[in-house]
């Protein structure tokens, strides 16, 4: 049995409210550099492992950045390809070298049931997601993603590494 966290839209709205509360009281970490992020982890509903890559823009208007990316999920008799188009904010947490990362956006999902992949039809779906995480100044990050929509993993937990492009 898979645990349920409530309706994904309600969960996303709760996280977005926290995002606004934190964003107004914290100082931004500024950077004029773009980055490539490599990550992976596990998801719930469907239970899968995933790996992905994303590009992160330099700051655009304060602490905000664009972060489009792609993930591939495998397991639970399903293959998923996810395209995320996120708007994120980085908030420096004092002088600790850690930043809070929050944001989200639309998700495009390409799903294919496992089995004979040559015969299984691909399905295209849309959804949305909210992400919350922490990143160390050296590039290490850990994040959670709550999503809603058909075939979108309801919760993804992952870690990764960010490489700055200078």
N, C-alpha and C. Protein backbone atom coordinates (compact mmCIF):
# COMPACT_ATOMS: atom_id res chain seq x y z
N UNK A 1 0.84 -1.18 0.00
CA UNK A 1 0.00 0.00 0.00
C UNK A 1 0.89 1.24 0.00
N UNK A 2 0.55 2.20 -0.82
CA UNK A 2 1.32 3.42 -0.96
C UNK A 2 0.70 4.50 -0.07
N UNK A 3 1.52 5.21 0.75
CA UNK A 3 0.96 6.26 1.58
C UNK A 3 0.49 7.43 0.73
N UNK A 4 -0.57 8.05 1.14
CA UNK A 4 -1.12 9.22 0.45
C UNK A 4 -0.84 10.47 1.28
N UNK A 5 -0.50 11.54 0.62
CA UNK A 5 -0.17 12.79 1.29
C UNK A 5 -1.24 13.85 1.08
N UNK A 6 -2.43 13.46 0.69
CA UNK A 6 -3.47 14.43 0.40
C UNK A 6 -3.45 14.79 -1.07
N UNK A 7 -4.36 15.63 -1.45
CA UNK A 7 -4.43 16.08 -2.84
C UNK A 7 -3.18 16.86 -3.19
N UNK A 8 -2.49 16.53 -4.28
CA UNK A 8 -1.23 17.19 -4.62
C UNK A 8 -1.35 18.71 -4.74
N UNK A 9 -2.47 19.21 -5.20
CA UNK A 9 -2.64 20.66 -5.34
C UNK A 9 -2.62 21.33 -3.97
N UNK A 10 -3.24 20.70 -2.97
CA UNK A 10 -3.24 21.26 -1.61
C UNK A 10 -1.83 21.24 -1.02
N UNK A 11 -1.12 20.17 -1.24
CA UNK A 11 0.24 20.07 -0.73
C UNK A 11 1.12 21.13 -1.40
N UNK A 12 0.98 21.29 -2.70
CA UNK A 12 1.77 22.28 -3.43
C UNK A 12 1.46 23.69 -2.95
N UNK A 13 0.20 23.98 -2.67
CA UNK A 13 -0.18 25.31 -2.18
C UNK A 13 0.42 25.56 -0.79
N UNK A 14 0.45 24.55 0.05
CA UNK A 14 1.05 24.69 1.38
C UNK A 14 2.53 25.01 1.26
N UNK A 15 3.25 24.27 0.40
CA UNK A 15 4.66 24.53 0.21
C UNK A 15 4.89 25.92 -0.41
N UNK A 16 4.03 26.35 -1.32
CA UNK A 16 4.18 27.66 -1.93
C UNK A 16 4.00 28.76 -0.89
N UNK A 17 3.06 28.57 0.04
CA UNK A 17 2.87 29.55 1.12
C UNK A 17 4.12 29.64 1.98
N UNK A 18 4.73 28.50 2.28
CA UNK A 18 5.99 28.49 3.03
C UNK A 18 7.09 29.20 2.25
N UNK A 19 7.10 28.98 0.95
CA UNK A 19 8.07 29.62 0.07
C UNK A 19 7.96 31.14 0.16
N UNK A 20 6.76 31.67 0.09
CA UNK A 20 6.58 33.12 0.16
C UNK A 20 6.97 33.67 1.52
N UNK A 21 6.65 32.95 2.58
CA UNK A 21 6.99 33.40 3.93
C UNK A 21 8.51 33.45 4.12
N UNK A 22 9.21 32.43 3.65
CA UNK A 22 10.67 32.38 3.80
C UNK A 22 11.36 33.38 2.88
N UNK A 23 10.84 33.56 1.70
CA UNK A 23 11.49 34.42 0.71
C UNK A 23 11.51 35.87 1.15
N UNK A 24 10.49 36.31 1.86
CA UNK A 24 10.42 37.72 2.22
C UNK A 24 11.35 38.06 3.37
N UNK A 25 11.78 37.07 4.18
CA UNK A 25 12.59 37.38 5.35
C UNK A 25 14.06 36.99 5.21
N UNK A 26 14.44 36.38 4.12
CA UNK A 26 15.82 35.91 3.99
C UNK A 26 16.56 36.71 2.92
N UNK A 27 17.90 36.71 3.05
CA UNK A 27 18.72 37.37 2.05
C UNK A 27 18.99 36.42 0.90
N UNK A 28 19.14 36.94 -0.29
CA UNK A 28 19.37 36.09 -1.47
C UNK A 28 20.85 35.80 -1.64
N UNK A 29 21.15 34.63 -2.18
CA UNK A 29 22.51 34.31 -2.58
C UNK A 29 22.59 34.69 -4.05
N UNK A 30 23.49 35.60 -4.37
CA UNK A 30 23.54 36.04 -5.75
C UNK A 30 24.69 35.37 -6.47
N UNK A 31 24.46 35.09 -7.72
CA UNK A 31 25.47 34.49 -8.57
C UNK A 31 25.17 34.88 -10.00
N UNK A 32 26.22 35.20 -10.72
CA UNK A 32 26.02 35.56 -12.13
C UNK A 32 26.34 34.40 -13.04
N UNK A 33 26.44 33.19 -12.47
CA UNK A 33 26.82 32.02 -13.24
C UNK A 33 25.66 31.03 -13.39
N UNK A 34 25.65 30.38 -14.53
CA UNK A 34 24.70 29.29 -14.76
C UNK A 34 25.31 28.01 -14.19
N UNK A 35 24.50 26.95 -14.13
CA UNK A 35 24.99 25.68 -13.58
C UNK A 35 24.30 24.51 -14.28
N UNK A 36 24.96 23.37 -14.27
CA UNK A 36 24.39 22.10 -14.71
C UNK A 36 24.25 21.25 -13.46
N UNK A 37 23.07 20.68 -13.23
CA UNK A 37 22.81 19.86 -12.05
C UNK A 37 22.60 18.41 -12.48
N UNK A 38 23.26 17.49 -11.77
CA UNK A 38 23.11 16.06 -12.00
C UNK A 38 22.53 15.47 -10.72
N UNK A 39 21.45 14.72 -10.83
CA UNK A 39 20.83 14.17 -9.63
C UNK A 39 20.16 12.84 -9.86
N UNK A 40 19.76 12.24 -8.77
CA UNK A 40 19.04 10.97 -8.83
C UNK A 40 18.46 10.65 -7.47
N UNK A 41 17.59 9.66 -7.45
CA UNK A 41 16.97 9.28 -6.19
C UNK A 41 15.86 8.28 -6.40
N UNK A 42 14.84 8.39 -5.57
CA UNK A 42 13.72 7.46 -5.60
C UNK A 42 12.41 8.25 -5.57
N UNK A 43 11.35 7.63 -6.08
CA UNK A 43 10.04 8.27 -6.07
C UNK A 43 9.01 7.32 -5.47
N UNK A 44 7.91 7.92 -5.04
CA UNK A 44 6.79 7.19 -4.46
C UNK A 44 5.57 7.46 -5.32
N UNK A 45 4.81 6.41 -5.61
CA UNK A 45 3.55 6.46 -6.35
C UNK A 45 3.72 7.05 -7.74
N UNK A 46 4.37 6.39 -8.68
CA UNK A 46 4.85 5.02 -8.66
C UNK A 46 6.23 4.92 -8.01
N UNK A 47 6.50 3.74 -7.42
CA UNK A 47 7.79 3.49 -6.80
C UNK A 47 8.80 3.25 -7.91
N UNK A 48 9.79 4.14 -7.98
CA UNK A 48 10.80 4.07 -9.03
C UNK A 48 12.11 4.63 -8.53
N UNK A 49 13.17 4.39 -9.29
CA UNK A 49 14.42 5.12 -9.15
C UNK A 49 14.50 6.04 -10.36
N UNK A 50 15.20 7.15 -10.19
CA UNK A 50 15.30 8.09 -11.31
C UNK A 50 16.67 8.73 -11.34
N UNK A 51 17.02 9.26 -12.48
CA UNK A 51 18.24 10.04 -12.68
C UNK A 51 17.89 11.15 -13.65
N UNK A 52 18.57 12.28 -13.49
CA UNK A 52 18.25 13.40 -14.37
C UNK A 52 19.32 14.46 -14.40
N UNK A 53 19.10 15.41 -15.26
CA UNK A 53 20.01 16.54 -15.42
C UNK A 53 19.17 17.79 -15.64
N UNK A 54 19.66 18.93 -15.16
CA UNK A 54 18.96 20.19 -15.39
C UNK A 54 19.98 21.30 -15.61
N UNK A 55 19.54 22.34 -16.26
CA UNK A 55 20.34 23.54 -16.46
C UNK A 55 19.74 24.61 -15.59
N UNK A 56 20.58 25.38 -14.92
CA UNK A 56 20.09 26.46 -14.04
C UNK A 56 20.65 27.78 -14.53
N UNK A 57 19.78 28.73 -14.77
CA UNK A 57 20.20 30.03 -15.28
C UNK A 57 20.88 30.84 -14.18
N UNK A 58 21.61 31.88 -14.56
CA UNK A 58 22.07 32.84 -13.55
C UNK A 58 20.85 33.54 -12.95
N UNK A 59 21.05 34.30 -11.90
CA UNK A 59 19.94 35.03 -11.28
C UNK A 59 19.23 35.89 -12.31
N UNK A 60 17.89 35.84 -12.29
CA UNK A 60 17.07 36.70 -13.15
C UNK A 60 16.10 37.45 -12.25
N UNK A 61 16.37 38.68 -11.98
CA UNK A 61 15.48 39.45 -11.12
C UNK A 61 15.60 39.05 -9.66
N UNK A 62 16.73 39.34 -9.05
CA UNK A 62 16.91 39.00 -7.64
C UNK A 62 17.40 37.58 -7.47
N UNK A 63 16.73 36.84 -6.62
CA UNK A 63 17.14 35.46 -6.29
C UNK A 63 16.51 34.41 -7.19
N UNK A 64 15.71 34.81 -8.15
CA UNK A 64 14.98 33.85 -8.98
C UNK A 64 15.83 33.34 -10.14
N UNK A 65 15.60 32.06 -10.50
CA UNK A 65 16.32 31.42 -11.59
C UNK A 65 15.36 30.49 -12.34
N UNK A 66 15.66 30.26 -13.61
CA UNK A 66 14.96 29.23 -14.38
C UNK A 66 15.76 27.94 -14.27
N UNK A 67 15.06 26.81 -14.17
CA UNK A 67 15.76 25.52 -14.08
C UNK A 67 14.99 24.44 -14.83
N UNK A 68 15.09 24.43 -16.16
CA UNK A 68 14.49 23.33 -16.92
C UNK A 68 15.36 22.08 -16.80
N UNK A 69 14.71 20.91 -16.82
CA UNK A 69 15.47 19.68 -16.71
C UNK A 69 14.69 18.47 -17.18
N UNK A 70 15.40 17.35 -17.31
CA UNK A 70 14.77 16.10 -17.71
C UNK A 70 15.17 15.01 -16.72
N UNK A 71 14.25 14.11 -16.43
CA UNK A 71 14.47 12.96 -15.56
C UNK A 71 13.97 11.71 -16.26
N UNK A 72 14.59 10.60 -15.97
CA UNK A 72 14.11 9.30 -16.43
C UNK A 72 13.84 8.42 -15.22
N UNK A 73 12.63 7.89 -15.12
CA UNK A 73 12.26 7.02 -14.01
C UNK A 73 12.05 5.59 -14.48
N UNK A 74 12.48 4.61 -13.65
CA UNK A 74 12.41 3.22 -14.02
C UNK A 74 11.92 2.40 -12.83
N UNK A 75 10.98 1.50 -13.08
CA UNK A 75 10.49 0.60 -12.04
C UNK A 75 8.98 0.57 -12.01
N UNK A 76 8.43 -0.38 -11.22
CA UNK A 76 6.99 -0.52 -11.05
C UNK A 76 6.29 -0.76 -12.39
N UNK A 77 6.97 -1.51 -13.28
CA UNK A 77 6.42 -1.84 -14.61
C UNK A 77 6.10 -0.62 -15.46
N UNK A 78 6.94 0.41 -15.32
CA UNK A 78 6.68 1.66 -16.03
C UNK A 78 8.00 2.38 -16.28
N UNK A 79 8.11 2.99 -17.44
CA UNK A 79 9.22 3.89 -17.74
C UNK A 79 8.64 5.29 -17.91
N UNK A 80 9.28 6.25 -17.26
CA UNK A 80 8.81 7.63 -17.33
C UNK A 80 9.93 8.55 -17.82
N UNK A 81 9.57 9.48 -18.66
CA UNK A 81 10.43 10.59 -19.04
C UNK A 81 9.73 11.86 -18.60
N UNK A 82 10.36 12.66 -17.76
CA UNK A 82 9.74 13.88 -17.25
C UNK A 82 10.54 15.09 -17.68
N UNK A 83 9.85 16.10 -18.16
CA UNK A 83 10.45 17.37 -18.51
C UNK A 83 9.88 18.39 -17.54
N UNK A 84 10.73 18.96 -16.69
CA UNK A 84 10.32 19.95 -15.69
C UNK A 84 10.77 21.33 -16.14
N UNK A 85 9.91 22.30 -16.01
CA UNK A 85 10.25 23.68 -16.34
C UNK A 85 9.99 24.49 -15.06
N UNK A 86 11.05 24.62 -14.24
CA UNK A 86 10.91 25.20 -12.91
C UNK A 86 11.40 26.63 -12.85
N UNK A 87 10.72 27.41 -12.01
CA UNK A 87 11.18 28.72 -11.58
C UNK A 87 11.53 28.53 -10.11
N UNK A 88 12.79 28.77 -9.75
CA UNK A 88 13.21 28.53 -8.37
C UNK A 88 13.75 29.81 -7.74
N UNK A 89 13.84 29.79 -6.43
CA UNK A 89 14.47 30.87 -5.68
C UNK A 89 15.51 30.24 -4.77
N UNK A 90 16.67 30.87 -4.67
CA UNK A 90 17.74 30.44 -3.76
C UNK A 90 17.81 31.46 -2.63
N UNK A 91 17.81 30.96 -1.41
CA UNK A 91 17.85 31.83 -0.24
C UNK A 91 19.02 31.40 0.63
N UNK A 92 20.01 32.27 0.78
CA UNK A 92 21.19 31.98 1.58
C UNK A 92 20.79 31.85 3.04
N UNK A 93 21.26 30.79 3.70
CA UNK A 93 20.95 30.55 5.11
C UNK A 93 22.12 31.02 5.97
N UNK A 94 22.17 32.32 6.22
CA UNK A 94 23.23 32.90 7.04
C UNK A 94 24.59 32.73 6.40
N UNK A 95 25.59 32.46 7.23
CA UNK A 95 26.95 32.28 6.73
C UNK A 95 27.35 30.80 6.74
N UNK A 96 26.35 29.91 6.73
CA UNK A 96 26.60 28.47 6.82
C UNK A 96 27.12 27.85 5.53
N UNK A 97 26.97 28.55 4.41
CA UNK A 97 27.32 27.98 3.12
C UNK A 97 26.19 27.17 2.51
N UNK A 98 25.05 27.09 3.19
CA UNK A 98 23.87 26.38 2.69
C UNK A 98 22.86 27.38 2.15
N UNK A 99 22.12 26.95 1.14
CA UNK A 99 21.02 27.74 0.58
C UNK A 99 19.76 26.90 0.59
N UNK A 100 18.64 27.56 0.82
CA UNK A 100 17.33 26.94 0.70
C UNK A 100 16.89 27.13 -0.75
N UNK A 101 16.40 26.08 -1.37
CA UNK A 101 15.92 26.14 -2.76
C UNK A 101 14.44 25.80 -2.75
N UNK A 102 13.63 26.67 -3.35
CA UNK A 102 12.19 26.42 -3.45
C UNK A 102 11.73 26.86 -4.83
N UNK A 103 10.71 26.20 -5.33
CA UNK A 103 10.16 26.59 -6.62
C UNK A 103 9.30 25.50 -7.20
N UNK A 104 9.06 25.60 -8.48
CA UNK A 104 8.25 24.59 -9.15
C UNK A 104 7.79 25.10 -10.49
N UNK A 105 6.93 24.30 -11.10
CA UNK A 105 6.42 24.67 -12.41
C UNK A 105 5.74 23.50 -13.09
N UNK A 106 5.46 23.66 -14.38
CA UNK A 106 4.78 22.59 -15.12
C UNK A 106 5.71 21.42 -15.42
N UNK A 107 5.10 20.26 -15.61
CA UNK A 107 5.82 19.03 -15.93
C UNK A 107 5.15 18.35 -17.11
N UNK A 108 5.95 17.88 -18.05
CA UNK A 108 5.46 17.09 -19.18
C UNK A 108 5.95 15.67 -18.96
N UNK A 109 5.06 14.70 -19.06
CA UNK A 109 5.37 13.31 -18.76
C UNK A 109 5.18 12.45 -20.01
N UNK A 110 6.17 11.63 -20.31
CA UNK A 110 6.05 10.61 -21.35
C UNK A 110 6.13 9.27 -20.62
N UNK A 111 5.04 8.52 -20.65
CA UNK A 111 4.95 7.25 -19.93
C UNK A 111 4.86 6.10 -20.91
N UNK A 112 5.53 5.00 -20.57
CA UNK A 112 5.47 3.80 -21.37
C UNK A 112 5.43 2.59 -20.44
N UNK A 113 4.37 1.80 -20.49
CA UNK A 113 4.29 0.60 -19.65
C UNK A 113 5.42 -0.37 -19.99
N UNK A 114 5.91 -1.08 -18.96
CA UNK A 114 6.98 -2.05 -19.16
C UNK A 114 6.45 -3.27 -19.91
N UNK A 115 7.34 -4.10 -20.32
CA UNK A 115 6.95 -5.28 -21.09
C UNK A 115 7.62 -5.22 -22.44
N UNK A 116 6.88 -5.51 -23.46
CA UNK A 116 7.40 -5.45 -24.82
C UNK A 116 7.34 -3.99 -25.26
N UNK A 117 8.46 -3.27 -25.10
CA UNK A 117 8.47 -1.83 -25.36
C UNK A 117 8.21 -1.48 -26.82
N UNK A 118 8.47 -2.40 -27.69
CA UNK A 118 8.21 -2.13 -29.11
C UNK A 118 6.71 -2.05 -29.37
N UNK A 119 5.90 -2.76 -28.57
CA UNK A 119 4.46 -2.79 -28.79
C UNK A 119 3.69 -1.87 -27.84
N UNK A 120 4.27 -1.53 -26.69
CA UNK A 120 3.57 -0.72 -25.70
C UNK A 120 3.46 0.73 -26.19
N UNK A 121 2.26 1.30 -26.17
CA UNK A 121 2.10 2.67 -26.64
C UNK A 121 2.65 3.68 -25.62
N UNK A 122 3.23 4.74 -26.11
CA UNK A 122 3.67 5.84 -25.25
C UNK A 122 2.49 6.75 -24.99
N UNK A 123 2.45 7.30 -23.78
CA UNK A 123 1.37 8.23 -23.41
C UNK A 123 1.99 9.55 -23.00
N UNK A 124 1.35 10.64 -23.38
CA UNK A 124 1.82 11.99 -23.06
C UNK A 124 0.84 12.61 -22.08
N UNK A 125 1.37 13.12 -20.96
CA UNK A 125 0.54 13.73 -19.93
C UNK A 125 1.18 15.03 -19.46
N UNK A 126 0.41 15.83 -18.73
CA UNK A 126 0.91 17.08 -18.15
C UNK A 126 0.58 17.11 -16.67
N UNK A 127 1.38 17.82 -15.93
CA UNK A 127 1.16 17.97 -14.49
C UNK A 127 1.92 19.17 -13.99
N UNK A 128 2.10 19.22 -12.71
CA UNK A 128 2.82 20.31 -12.09
C UNK A 128 3.56 19.79 -10.88
N UNK A 129 4.58 20.54 -10.44
CA UNK A 129 5.34 20.09 -9.28
C UNK A 129 5.87 21.27 -8.50
N UNK A 130 6.20 20.99 -7.24
CA UNK A 130 6.82 21.95 -6.35
C UNK A 130 8.07 21.29 -5.76
N UNK A 131 9.19 21.99 -5.73
CA UNK A 131 10.39 21.40 -5.16
C UNK A 131 10.88 22.23 -3.98
N UNK A 132 11.52 21.53 -3.05
CA UNK A 132 12.03 22.12 -1.83
C UNK A 132 13.33 21.40 -1.51
N UNK A 133 14.41 22.14 -1.25
CA UNK A 133 15.66 21.47 -0.96
C UNK A 133 16.70 22.40 -0.38
N UNK A 134 17.88 21.84 -0.20
CA UNK A 134 19.02 22.57 0.34
C UNK A 134 20.23 22.29 -0.52
N UNK A 135 21.09 23.33 -0.68
CA UNK A 135 22.30 23.16 -1.47
C UNK A 135 23.47 23.76 -0.73
N UNK A 136 24.58 23.03 -0.69
CA UNK A 136 25.83 23.50 -0.09
C UNK A 136 26.59 24.30 -1.13
N UNK A 137 27.40 25.24 -0.69
CA UNK A 137 28.16 26.08 -1.61
C UNK A 137 29.08 25.27 -2.52
N UNK A 138 29.52 24.07 -2.08
CA UNK A 138 30.41 23.25 -2.91
C UNK A 138 29.68 22.54 -4.05
N UNK A 139 28.33 22.59 -4.09
CA UNK A 139 27.56 22.01 -5.18
C UNK A 139 26.64 20.88 -4.78
N UNK A 140 26.88 20.23 -3.64
CA UNK A 140 26.01 19.14 -3.19
C UNK A 140 24.61 19.68 -2.90
N UNK A 141 23.57 18.93 -3.31
CA UNK A 141 22.20 19.33 -2.98
C UNK A 141 21.34 18.11 -2.67
N UNK A 142 20.29 18.35 -1.91
CA UNK A 142 19.27 17.35 -1.61
C UNK A 142 17.93 18.04 -1.76
N UNK A 143 16.96 17.36 -2.40
CA UNK A 143 15.67 18.02 -2.61
C UNK A 143 14.52 17.02 -2.63
N UNK A 144 13.34 17.55 -2.39
CA UNK A 144 12.08 16.82 -2.44
C UNK A 144 11.22 17.48 -3.49
N UNK A 145 10.46 16.69 -4.24
CA UNK A 145 9.55 17.24 -5.25
C UNK A 145 8.18 16.59 -5.05
N UNK A 146 7.16 17.43 -4.85
CA UNK A 146 5.77 16.99 -4.71
C UNK A 146 5.08 17.34 -6.01
N UNK A 147 4.39 16.36 -6.61
CA UNK A 147 3.80 16.57 -7.94
C UNK A 147 2.36 16.13 -8.00
N UNK A 148 1.69 16.57 -9.04
CA UNK A 148 0.32 16.16 -9.30
C UNK A 148 0.10 16.01 -10.79
N UNK A 149 -0.72 15.05 -11.16
CA UNK A 149 -1.01 14.78 -12.56
C UNK A 149 -0.93 13.28 -12.82
N UNK A 150 -1.37 12.85 -14.00
CA UNK A 150 -1.30 11.44 -14.37
C UNK A 150 0.13 11.00 -14.58
N UNK A 151 0.50 9.88 -13.98
CA UNK A 151 1.81 9.27 -14.11
C UNK A 151 2.95 10.08 -13.51
N UNK A 152 2.68 11.22 -12.91
CA UNK A 152 3.74 11.99 -12.28
C UNK A 152 4.00 11.38 -10.90
N UNK A 153 5.25 11.08 -10.54
CA UNK A 153 5.51 10.59 -9.19
C UNK A 153 5.02 11.61 -8.15
N UNK A 154 4.25 11.15 -7.18
CA UNK A 154 3.67 12.04 -6.19
C UNK A 154 4.72 12.67 -5.29
N UNK A 155 5.80 11.93 -4.99
CA UNK A 155 6.89 12.44 -4.16
C UNK A 155 8.20 11.88 -4.69
N UNK A 156 9.16 12.77 -4.93
CA UNK A 156 10.50 12.36 -5.35
C UNK A 156 11.49 12.90 -4.34
N UNK A 157 12.43 12.05 -3.94
CA UNK A 157 13.49 12.44 -3.00
C UNK A 157 14.81 12.13 -3.67
N UNK A 158 15.67 13.14 -3.75
CA UNK A 158 16.92 12.90 -4.45
C UNK A 158 18.07 13.75 -3.95
N UNK A 159 19.25 13.38 -4.40
CA UNK A 159 20.47 14.12 -4.11
C UNK A 159 21.23 14.30 -5.42
N UNK A 160 22.17 15.23 -5.41
CA UNK A 160 22.93 15.43 -6.62
C UNK A 160 24.06 16.42 -6.43
N UNK A 161 24.61 16.81 -7.56
CA UNK A 161 25.75 17.71 -7.58
C UNK A 161 25.51 18.77 -8.65
N UNK A 162 25.82 20.02 -8.31
CA UNK A 162 25.68 21.14 -9.22
C UNK A 162 27.07 21.61 -9.64
N UNK A 163 27.26 21.79 -10.94
CA UNK A 163 28.54 22.25 -11.47
C UNK A 163 28.31 23.62 -12.09
N UNK A 164 28.99 24.64 -11.55
CA UNK A 164 28.84 26.00 -12.04
C UNK A 164 29.52 26.15 -13.39
N UNK A 165 28.88 26.87 -14.31
CA UNK A 165 29.44 27.16 -15.63
C UNK A 165 29.92 28.61 -15.61
N UNK A 166 31.20 28.81 -15.78
CA UNK A 166 31.75 30.17 -15.72
C UNK A 166 32.10 30.67 -17.07
